Every structure is written in structure tokens, then in C-alpha cells.
């Protein structure tokens, strides 16, 4: 996943630090990610979701709000409204690069911010919230004990996530007066709400409030055992999978043009875990899968192995070929099932004269329906004519080139 490190001017002119995660191929759409309260653009959830979307052709801009992370400015002078203005500034920066965002994603208070910012970003077609509060004032419980001091002195230093931050009275007053119900009701974009039932920071009731306030199309998906920051890799990957599947319904993603000789398009495989073997597999904008190796081979077993995909191709092609023939003959075939096993065996055990080991694929085919024995035998013969079968038994030619 190529990543550009960029800066752009925020709401009051400070330079905000950002990363633009790009697909390996053409950019089919652009998303804008808003991080959680006092977090940064580099939290694991943001990185993993950006990587998954980039794998399906969607560029993602994630940035540090004013005064946070590597961005300029004073956090003590920011408010919820200024965060919303930073988001609009980010969208304007992208529009200036002909990459106006079609998707907004917000985590925690960032989720509340994208709900408010949508009205100022007309290019947006879909919005996703993760553990978002229905009321920005909810965030004040993080520093509830300091509220009297903030009211009296104008600001106070509080500890959030083990780090000191100065919270100003303007921030407290702003979140207290920033109701979201009208913004949610007038969102004019598809909405996906992701929330964990056991979220101890922002309760699940907030998801219910947002859902009821929104108009259709709207969707809710539970994040089950995830914590508020979605720190576990498996939870972040699940959220990324859900977002990537859901958003394809609302963004018009055109697949990249295939090279000559590849009429079905291009399959792009991108490394998803440099410390293991997990791979993102994207076939155009609509079909995504994950390949991996078993734990015993150093993988995380989150997807089929490469040979599992080869076996799947053989099984699927076999079933399709049988169905196509039976349909043409108008035979009463009601169902086809194909089991495929792959092994490395000695050539002589496979009935071949050459020495050494070869790949052996064993198929077991089940044909359902009132077929006579002659019809079953003919369909078994047709199975051997499946194109993938012929490719595996023939001599394929593979060319490789290095892209720079």
C-alpha cells in the first residue's frame, strides 16, 4: 500500500499532518478518516481499515486534528466545531487534487464529527461511525472532575490515556451545545453504524440513538467483543471487512481496465501482514478474499491457503461445467457438489512414468436428481472437460515483469 505523507492547512491555518493511503492501481474512490478523541491518525484501527479499503481501490486520507499528533496548533484552543472545520478543510484539500471524498469514516468523537461535517462536504455518499457518541457532550466524562476548575479558571490540565492535555472552557461549552440529532436526520448519505455492545467508554445506547435519528438507508453491525479503541487486530480487520463490503453498495466503483489478454479483469494480491503471510485478494471493486497459511506454517489461518484457492477454482469450474451441460440437455440435475483434495505425491503413484513428485487433485462429485446411470456417467466425463481441469493438466505459461 503506497502512502504519501502530506500536510494541508487546517481551520485556522495550522499545517495538519496527514497520510494518504493509496491503492496499488487506479483510485476508484476516496475516503476521509477522523480519529477518536485525543488519538492520532496512526492508531491501529485507522491503519488497518485504511489498508483494507486501499486494497479494494479506495484511497484514504487520515490526519491529526489541530494540536494532536504531528499537526501544528494548540489543542487547548480547539473545539468540536473546529474539528468539524478541519474535516471540511481536509475534504477541500482532496477536492483540489480531484479526489473529493465519497466516504467519511469517524471513530468515537471523530464519528460524531463526520456526522456533523457531512453537510459541508457535498461529495460524500456514505458515512461510517465506529463507537460514536450520539451527543458530543458525552466526551466530558473523561475529565468530569476537572469541570469546576475549567469553569472557574478557563482551562485545566487533565490526563487522558496516560498523556496530559489542556482542556479549555470553549471546548466544554462547544460540546455541550453541539446536538447532532438535526445533522443525523438530514445526513443525506447512506449510514453504517459499527458499535461494540460492551463498549465501556461509549455505551451501545448511543448507537441506538443515532440509528433511530437517521433516515434510510442505514445499517447497524455489532463489533461483538471489541473494546472502544478497537485495539485487537481481529476486531479491526472485521470492521474493515464490513466497511469494504457495505460501501460497495453505495459508491459507484469502476474496476480498473484489464490488460490485453485478460478479459475477466485483474486479480490484485497485496500483502496485508508483513510479519506473517496474510494477503488481501481483490478482483475488481466487488470481490474480496483473504489468503493465509495455517498457524503451523507461520500464518494466522484467516483465509484459505494458495493451494486452497487452486482447489476451489477446480471445484467451482467443475460444478459450473456440469451444470451448463445438464442445462443444455434439459436433464433433471437438481444439485452438484464437488469435494477437492490436493496432495504432493510421487509421479508413479499417480500413474505417470516420470520421476519425482507431482501435484494430485482428487475430486469427488455428487450429482442429485432423478438421473439415470448413463446420464451420470456422461456428466462425469464432462467434468474432465472443465477449463480449469485442462489448464492444470496442460502446460500453462506464466510471464512476470517488475513494476517500478
Protein backbone atom coordinates (compact mmCIF):
# COMPACT_ATOMS: atom_id res chain seq x y z
CA UNK A 1 0.00 0.00 0.00
CA UNK A 2 1.73 3.22 -1.13
CA UNK A 3 1.40 6.03 1.44
CA UNK A 4 2.00 9.75 0.89
CA UNK A 5 2.98 11.90 3.85
CA UNK A 6 1.36 15.27 3.30
CA UNK A 7 0.32 18.44 5.12
CA UNK A 8 -2.57 20.79 4.47
CA UNK A 9 -3.95 23.91 6.14
CA UNK A 10 -6.48 23.33 8.91
CA UNK A 11 -9.38 25.52 10.00
CA UNK A 12 -7.17 28.33 11.35
CA UNK A 13 -4.18 27.94 9.05
CA UNK A 14 -2.06 25.48 11.06
CA UNK A 15 -0.44 22.77 8.99
CA UNK A 16 -2.07 19.40 9.71
CA UNK A 17 -0.06 16.21 9.28
CA UNK A 18 -1.72 13.51 7.19
CA UNK A 19 -1.17 10.22 5.44
CA UNK A 20 -2.84 9.42 2.15
CA UNK A 21 -3.05 5.64 1.74
CA UNK A 22 -3.32 4.81 -1.95
CA UNK A 23 -4.24 1.70 -3.92
CA UNK A 24 -1.54 -0.03 -5.93
CA UNK A 25 -3.62 0.65 -9.03
CA UNK A 26 -6.17 3.29 -10.07
CA UNK A 27 -8.01 5.26 -7.38
CA UNK A 28 -11.68 4.28 -7.66
CA UNK A 29 -12.92 6.50 -4.81
CA UNK A 30 -11.60 8.44 -1.81
CA UNK A 31 -12.41 8.20 1.91
CA UNK A 32 -11.66 10.58 4.79
CA UNK A 33 -10.96 9.10 8.25
CA UNK A 34 -11.49 11.02 11.53
CA UNK A 35 -9.74 9.57 14.60
CA UNK A 36 -11.01 9.34 18.16
CA UNK A 37 -10.73 11.99 20.91
CA UNK A 38 -7.03 12.80 21.66
CA UNK A 39 -5.95 9.89 19.42
CA UNK A 40 -3.95 10.19 16.20
CA UNK A 41 -4.11 9.17 12.57
CA UNK A 42 -1.82 6.20 13.30
CA UNK A 43 -3.99 4.20 15.71
CA UNK A 44 -4.22 0.51 14.67
CA UNK A 45 -7.90 0.68 13.74
CA UNK A 46 -7.30 3.57 11.33
CA UNK A 47 -4.28 1.88 9.74
CA UNK A 48 -5.99 -1.48 9.24
CA UNK A 49 -9.22 -0.05 7.85
CA UNK A 50 -7.25 2.21 5.50
CA UNK A 51 -5.20 -0.74 4.27
CA UNK A 52 -8.30 -2.82 3.54
CA UNK A 53 -10.03 -0.03 1.65
CA UNK A 54 -6.86 0.74 -0.31
CA UNK A 55 -6.74 -2.92 -1.33
CA UNK A 56 -10.16 -2.50 -2.98
CA UNK A 57 -9.16 0.68 -4.80
CA UNK A 58 -10.28 3.33 -2.30
CA UNK A 59 -7.72 5.94 -1.24
CA UNK A 60 -7.94 7.01 2.42
CA UNK A 61 -6.78 10.29 3.97
CA UNK A 62 -6.21 10.11 7.74
CA UNK A 63 -4.86 13.13 9.57
CA UNK A 64 -4.14 14.51 13.03
CA UNK A 65 -6.58 17.16 14.20
CA UNK A 66 -5.16 20.55 15.19
CA UNK A 67 -2.80 20.28 18.16
CA UNK A 68 -2.61 16.47 18.08
CA UNK A 69 -0.01 14.03 16.79
CA UNK A 70 2.29 15.73 14.29
CA UNK A 71 -0.08 18.58 13.47
CA UNK A 72 0.57 22.20 14.35
CA UNK A 73 -1.62 24.34 16.60
CA UNK A 74 -2.68 24.31 20.25
CA UNK A 75 -5.08 21.56 21.34
CA UNK A 76 -6.27 23.80 24.20
CA UNK A 77 -7.70 26.22 21.61
CA UNK A 78 -9.65 23.61 19.67
CA UNK A 79 -13.32 22.66 19.92
CA UNK A 80 -15.65 20.08 18.46
CA UNK A 81 -16.66 22.66 15.85
CA UNK A 82 -13.01 23.26 14.92
CA UNK A 83 -12.57 19.51 14.41
CA UNK A 84 -15.50 19.57 12.02
CA UNK A 85 -13.89 22.51 10.22
CA UNK A 86 -10.61 20.56 9.98
CA UNK A 87 -12.52 17.73 8.30
CA UNK A 88 -14.02 20.14 5.78
CA UNK A 89 -10.54 21.57 5.15
CA UNK A 90 -9.25 18.03 4.52
CA UNK A 91 -12.09 17.42 2.07
CA UNK A 92 -11.29 20.66 0.26
CA UNK A 93 -7.63 19.63 0.02
CA UNK A 94 -8.68 16.32 -1.55
CA UNK A 95 -11.07 18.06 -3.93
CA UNK A 96 -8.16 20.24 -5.04
CA UNK A 97 -6.40 17.04 -6.10
CA UNK A 98 -9.53 15.82 -7.96
CA UNK A 99 -10.07 13.28 -5.15
CA UNK A 100 -13.16 14.70 -3.44
CA UNK A 101 -14.15 12.19 -0.71
CA UNK A 102 -17.19 9.99 -1.28
CA UNK A 103 -16.88 8.22 2.09
CA UNK A 104 -16.46 9.56 5.64
CA UNK A 105 -15.33 7.29 8.48
CA UNK A 106 -15.24 8.50 12.09
CA UNK A 107 -14.09 6.75 15.26
CA UNK A 108 -15.54 7.79 18.66
CA UNK A 109 -15.72 11.61 18.78
CA UNK A 110 -14.44 11.52 15.21
CA UNK A 111 -17.67 9.65 14.39
CA UNK A 112 -19.72 12.50 15.81
CA UNK A 113 -17.57 14.93 13.82
CA UNK A 114 -18.20 13.20 10.48
CA UNK A 115 -21.95 13.21 11.15
CA UNK A 116 -21.78 17.00 11.56
CA UNK A 117 -19.23 17.55 8.75
CA UNK A 118 -21.28 15.73 6.11
CA UNK A 119 -23.36 18.85 5.43
CA UNK A 120 -20.20 20.74 4.47
CA UNK A 121 -18.83 18.04 2.15
CA UNK A 122 -21.31 17.63 -0.73
CA UNK A 123 -19.29 14.89 -2.49
CA UNK A 124 -19.95 12.38 0.32
CA UNK A 125 -22.28 9.49 -0.49
CA UNK A 126 -21.71 7.27 2.57
CA UNK A 127 -20.79 7.73 6.25
CA UNK A 128 -19.44 5.17 8.74
CA UNK A 129 -19.22 5.61 12.52
CA UNK A 130 -17.29 3.38 14.93
CA UNK A 131 -18.16 3.62 18.62
CA UNK A 132 -19.51 7.14 18.12
CA UNK A 133 -21.40 9.11 20.79
CA UNK A 134 -24.83 10.43 19.85
CA UNK A 135 -24.02 13.62 21.76
CA UNK A 136 -20.52 15.22 21.62
CA UNK A 137 -21.04 16.30 25.24
CA UNK A 138 -20.58 12.65 26.18
CA UNK A 139 -16.81 13.14 25.97
CA UNK A 140 -16.82 15.36 29.06
CA UNK A 141 -17.00 12.31 31.31
CA UNK A 142 -13.29 11.79 30.54
CA UNK A 143 -12.46 14.90 32.58
CA UNK A 144 -15.56 15.32 34.74
CA UNK A 145 -13.54 16.04 37.90
CA UNK A 146 -11.82 18.98 36.18
CA UNK A 147 -15.04 20.69 35.03
CA UNK A 148 -15.31 23.01 38.06
CA UNK A 149 -11.71 24.18 37.53
CA UNK A 150 -12.29 24.68 33.81
CA UNK A 151 -15.42 26.73 34.56
CA UNK A 152 -13.61 28.86 37.14
CA UNK A 153 -10.16 29.28 35.55
CA UNK A 154 -10.97 28.92 31.85
CA UNK A 155 -8.92 25.74 31.36
CA UNK A 156 -7.36 22.81 33.19
CA UNK A 157 -4.75 20.18 32.52
CA UNK A 158 -6.16 16.65 32.53
CA UNK A 159 -4.66 13.22 31.94
CA UNK A 160 -6.22 11.22 29.10
CA UNK A 161 -4.79 7.88 28.04
CA UNK A 162 -1.73 8.49 30.20
CA UNK A 163 -0.92 11.83 28.49
CA UNK A 164 -1.51 15.41 29.68
CA UNK A 165 -3.89 17.64 27.74
CA UNK A 166 -5.16 21.13 28.43
CA UNK A 167 -8.93 21.41 28.04
CA UNK A 168 -10.38 24.90 27.58
CA UNK A 169 -13.78 26.27 28.54
CA UNK A 170 -14.55 26.94 24.87
CA UNK A 171 -14.26 23.20 24.16
CA UNK A 172 -16.57 22.30 27.07
CA UNK A 173 -19.16 24.90 26.07
CA UNK A 174 -18.99 23.81 22.42
CA UNK A 175 -19.60 20.10 23.03
CA UNK A 176 -22.42 20.98 25.45
CA UNK A 177 -24.18 22.92 22.71
CA UNK A 178 -23.46 20.63 19.76
CA UNK A 179 -26.55 18.46 19.44
CA UNK A 180 -26.36 16.05 16.49
CA UNK A 181 -29.97 14.99 16.02
CA UNK A 182 -30.68 17.50 13.24
CA UNK A 183 -27.42 16.66 11.42
CA UNK A 184 -28.18 12.93 11.58
CA UNK A 185 -31.76 13.36 10.38
CA UNK A 186 -30.57 15.48 7.45
CA UNK A 187 -27.47 13.38 6.66
CA UNK A 188 -28.47 12.74 3.01
CA UNK A 189 -26.00 9.85 2.78
CA UNK A 190 -26.03 6.12 3.49
CA UNK A 191 -25.07 5.43 7.12
CA UNK A 192 -23.30 2.43 8.66
CA UNK A 193 -23.06 2.30 12.47
CA UNK A 194 -20.46 -0.04 13.99
CA UNK A 195 -20.53 -0.38 17.77
CA UNK A 196 -19.49 -2.91 20.42
CA UNK A 197 -22.21 -3.93 22.93
CA UNK A 198 -19.64 -3.97 25.76
CA UNK A 199 -18.04 -0.64 24.91
CA UNK A 200 -17.30 0.82 28.36
CA UNK A 201 -16.39 4.26 27.01
CA UNK A 202 -19.37 4.97 24.74
CA UNK A 203 -22.33 2.74 25.56
CA UNK A 204 -24.33 0.87 22.92
CA UNK A 205 -27.31 3.16 23.66
CA UNK A 206 -25.55 5.83 21.60
CA UNK A 207 -25.66 3.60 18.52
CA UNK A 208 -29.39 3.11 19.04
CA UNK A 209 -29.97 6.86 19.32
CA UNK A 210 -28.02 7.55 16.12
CA UNK A 211 -29.81 4.76 14.24
CA UNK A 212 -33.28 5.95 15.25
CA UNK A 213 -32.47 9.56 14.34
CA UNK A 214 -31.17 8.63 10.87
CA UNK A 215 -33.22 8.10 7.75
CA UNK A 216 -32.76 5.15 5.40
CA UNK A 217 -30.51 3.84 4.00
CA UNK A 218 -28.97 2.99 7.37
CA UNK A 219 -27.33 -0.13 8.79
CA UNK A 220 -26.06 -1.31 12.17
CA UNK A 221 -23.44 -4.01 12.74
CA UNK A 222 -22.20 -5.13 16.15
CA UNK A 223 -18.49 -5.34 16.87
CA UNK A 224 -19.14 -8.04 19.48
CA UNK A 225 -16.25 -8.25 21.98
CA UNK A 226 -14.26 -5.27 20.67
CA UNK A 227 -13.08 -2.56 23.05
CA UNK A 228 -13.70 1.12 22.38
CA UNK A 229 -10.37 1.71 20.62
CA UNK A 230 -10.75 -1.50 18.56
CA UNK A 231 -7.22 -2.45 19.60
CA UNK A 232 -7.38 -6.17 18.75
CA UNK A 233 -6.23 -6.86 15.22
CA UNK A 234 -9.08 -9.33 14.61
CA UNK A 235 -11.71 -6.72 15.57
CA UNK A 236 -10.15 -4.05 13.36
CA UNK A 237 -9.95 -6.48 10.44
CA UNK A 238 -13.60 -7.45 10.93
CA UNK A 239 -14.63 -3.78 10.94
CA UNK A 240 -12.58 -3.25 7.79
CA UNK A 241 -14.23 -6.24 6.08
CA UNK A 242 -17.72 -4.99 6.96
CA UNK A 243 -16.99 -1.46 5.73
CA UNK A 244 -15.44 -2.63 2.47
CA UNK A 245 -18.39 -4.93 1.73
CA UNK A 246 -21.05 -2.39 2.74
CA UNK A 247 -19.62 0.62 0.94
CA UNK A 248 -19.57 -1.08 -2.46
CA UNK A 249 -23.36 -0.81 -2.49
CA UNK A 250 -23.28 2.99 -2.25
CA UNK A 251 -20.17 4.03 -4.17
CA UNK A 252 -20.03 3.52 -7.90
CA UNK A 253 -16.68 1.78 -8.17
CA UNK A 254 -15.50 1.09 -11.70
CA UNK A 255 -12.96 -1.73 -11.95
CA UNK A 256 -9.52 -0.94 -13.39
CA UNK A 257 -9.17 -1.67 -17.08
CA UNK A 258 -7.70 -5.14 -17.63
CA UNK A 259 -4.53 -5.56 -19.67
CA UNK A 260 -4.81 -7.18 -23.13
CA UNK A 261 -5.46 -10.90 -22.89
CA UNK A 262 -7.19 -10.70 -19.51
CA UNK A 263 -10.89 -10.23 -20.40
CA UNK A 264 -12.11 -11.09 -16.90
CA UNK A 265 -10.08 -8.30 -15.33
CA UNK A 266 -7.12 -8.21 -12.99
CA UNK A 267 -6.73 -10.04 -9.69
CA UNK A 268 -4.58 -7.95 -7.36
CA UNK A 269 -2.89 -9.59 -4.38
CA UNK A 270 -1.46 -7.27 -1.72
CA UNK A 271 0.44 -8.23 1.42
CA UNK A 272 -1.71 -7.50 4.48
CA UNK A 273 0.60 -8.74 7.24
CA UNK A 274 4.36 -8.31 6.68
CA UNK A 275 5.03 -10.28 9.87
CA UNK A 276 3.02 -13.28 8.66
CA UNK A 277 1.59 -14.44 5.35
CA UNK A 278 -1.93 -12.94 5.14
CA UNK A 279 -2.77 -11.47 1.72
CA UNK A 280 -5.61 -9.23 0.50
CA UNK A 281 -7.04 -10.50 -2.78
CA UNK A 282 -9.15 -8.09 -4.81
CA UNK A 283 -10.80 -8.94 -8.13
CA UNK A 284 -12.20 -5.63 -9.34
CA UNK A 285 -14.15 -3.47 -6.89
CA UNK A 286 -16.70 -6.04 -5.74
CA UNK A 287 -14.90 -9.30 -4.92
CA UNK A 288 -12.56 -9.54 -1.95
CA UNK A 289 -10.96 -12.50 -0.19
CA UNK A 290 -8.09 -13.22 2.19
CA UNK A 291 -5.35 -15.80 1.69
CA UNK A 292 -3.18 -17.08 4.53
CA UNK A 293 -1.26 -20.09 5.78
CA UNK A 294 -2.10 -22.30 8.77
CA UNK A 295 -0.56 -21.38 12.12
CA UNK A 296 1.68 -24.43 11.87
CA UNK A 297 3.33 -22.83 8.83
CA UNK A 298 3.75 -19.40 10.41
CA UNK A 299 0.44 -17.90 9.27
CA UNK A 300 -2.68 -16.85 11.17
CA UNK A 301 -5.15 -19.15 9.36
CA UNK A 302 -7.53 -16.30 8.49
CA UNK A 303 -8.03 -17.39 4.91
CA UNK A 304 -7.54 -20.29 2.55
CA UNK A 305 -4.03 -21.26 1.56
CA UNK A 306 -2.88 -20.60 -2.02
CA UNK A 307 -3.44 -24.26 -2.87
CA UNK A 308 -6.87 -23.98 -1.27
CA UNK A 309 -7.72 -21.30 -3.82
CA UNK A 310 -6.40 -23.51 -6.65
CA UNK A 311 -8.59 -26.39 -5.39
CA UNK A 312 -11.55 -24.02 -5.12
CA UNK A 313 -11.06 -22.93 -8.71
CA UNK A 314 -11.04 -26.53 -9.89
CA UNK A 315 -14.13 -27.42 -7.84
CA UNK A 316 -16.09 -24.35 -8.91
CA UNK A 317 -15.23 -24.78 -12.58
CA UNK A 318 -16.14 -28.49 -12.43
CA UNK A 319 -19.55 -27.74 -10.93
CA UNK A 320 -20.26 -24.94 -13.44
CA UNK A 321 -19.28 -27.10 -16.40
CA UNK A 322 -21.53 -29.95 -15.26
CA UNK A 323 -24.44 -27.58 -14.67
CA UNK A 324 -24.02 -25.91 -18.07
CA UNK A 325 -24.09 -29.28 -19.87
CA UNK A 326 -27.08 -30.61 -17.90
CA UNK A 327 -28.98 -27.37 -18.52
CA UNK A 328 -28.36 -27.56 -22.24
CA UNK A 329 -29.52 -31.21 -22.30
CA UNK A 330 -32.51 -30.39 -20.04
CA UNK A 331 -31.54 -33.24 -17.71
CA UNK A 332 -33.11 -33.36 -14.20
CA UNK A 333 -29.98 -32.41 -12.29
CA UNK A 334 -31.05 -30.69 -9.05
CA UNK A 335 -27.70 -30.13 -7.35
CA UNK A 336 -23.94 -30.53 -7.85
CA UNK A 337 -21.34 -30.84 -5.08
CA UNK A 338 -17.60 -31.23 -5.66
CA UNK A 339 -15.03 -32.14 -2.98
CA UNK A 340 -11.42 -31.41 -3.96
CA UNK A 341 -8.29 -32.58 -2.12
CA UNK A 342 -4.73 -31.65 -3.06
CA UNK A 343 -1.56 -33.63 -2.32
CA UNK A 344 2.03 -33.87 -3.42
CA UNK A 345 2.56 -37.48 -4.50
CA UNK A 346 5.19 -39.49 -6.29
CA UNK A 347 4.62 -39.44 -10.03
CA UNK A 348 4.46 -43.24 -10.25
CA UNK A 349 1.68 -43.33 -7.63
CA UNK A 350 -0.30 -41.01 -9.87
CA UNK A 351 0.17 -43.36 -12.81
CA UNK A 352 2.85 -41.26 -14.50
CA UNK A 353 6.14 -42.53 -15.86
CA UNK A 354 8.36 -39.61 -14.80
CA UNK A 355 10.29 -39.47 -11.53
CA UNK A 356 9.81 -37.10 -8.61
CA UNK A 357 6.67 -35.68 -7.06
CA UNK A 358 3.68 -34.15 -8.80
CA UNK A 359 0.52 -32.35 -7.70
CA UNK A 360 -2.51 -34.59 -7.43
CA UNK A 361 -6.03 -33.20 -7.19
CA UNK A 362 -8.72 -35.69 -6.20
CA UNK A 363 -12.32 -34.80 -7.00
CA UNK A 364 -15.40 -36.46 -5.52
CA UNK A 365 -18.57 -35.39 -7.32
CA UNK A 366 -22.13 -35.75 -6.02
CA UNK A 367 -24.99 -35.42 -8.51
CA UNK A 368 -28.53 -35.08 -7.15
CA UNK A 369 -31.76 -35.57 -9.05
CA UNK A 370 -33.56 -38.37 -10.94
CA UNK A 371 -30.68 -39.04 -13.35
CA UNK A 372 -30.16 -42.45 -14.92
CA UNK A 373 -26.76 -44.16 -14.83
CA UNK A 374 -25.92 -43.19 -18.42
CA UNK A 375 -26.58 -39.52 -17.69
CA UNK A 376 -24.44 -39.64 -14.55
CA UNK A 377 -21.58 -41.24 -16.45
CA UNK A 378 -21.77 -38.63 -19.19
CA UNK A 379 -21.70 -35.79 -16.64
CA UNK A 380 -18.64 -37.40 -15.03
CA UNK A 381 -16.92 -37.35 -18.42
CA UNK A 382 -17.92 -33.69 -18.90
CA UNK A 383 -16.23 -32.86 -15.59
CA UNK A 384 -12.88 -33.66 -17.21
CA UNK A 385 -13.58 -31.02 -19.86
CA UNK A 386 -13.77 -28.17 -17.36
CA UNK A 387 -11.35 -25.38 -18.44
CA UNK A 388 -9.51 -25.25 -15.12
CA UNK A 389 -9.03 -29.03 -15.25
CA UNK A 390 -7.48 -28.67 -18.69
CA UNK A 391 -5.26 -25.82 -17.51
CA UNK A 392 -3.96 -27.83 -14.56
CA UNK A 393 -3.29 -30.91 -16.71
CA UNK A 394 -1.83 -28.88 -19.56
CA UNK A 395 1.18 -26.63 -19.66
CA UNK A 396 0.43 -23.11 -18.53
CA UNK A 397 2.80 -20.28 -19.46
CA UNK A 398 3.49 -17.60 -16.84
CA UNK A 399 5.23 -14.30 -17.56
CA UNK A 400 6.49 -11.93 -14.86
CA UNK A 401 7.53 -8.28 -15.02
CA UNK A 402 8.70 -5.86 -12.36
CA UNK A 403 6.67 -2.65 -11.97
CA UNK A 404 8.53 0.43 -10.82
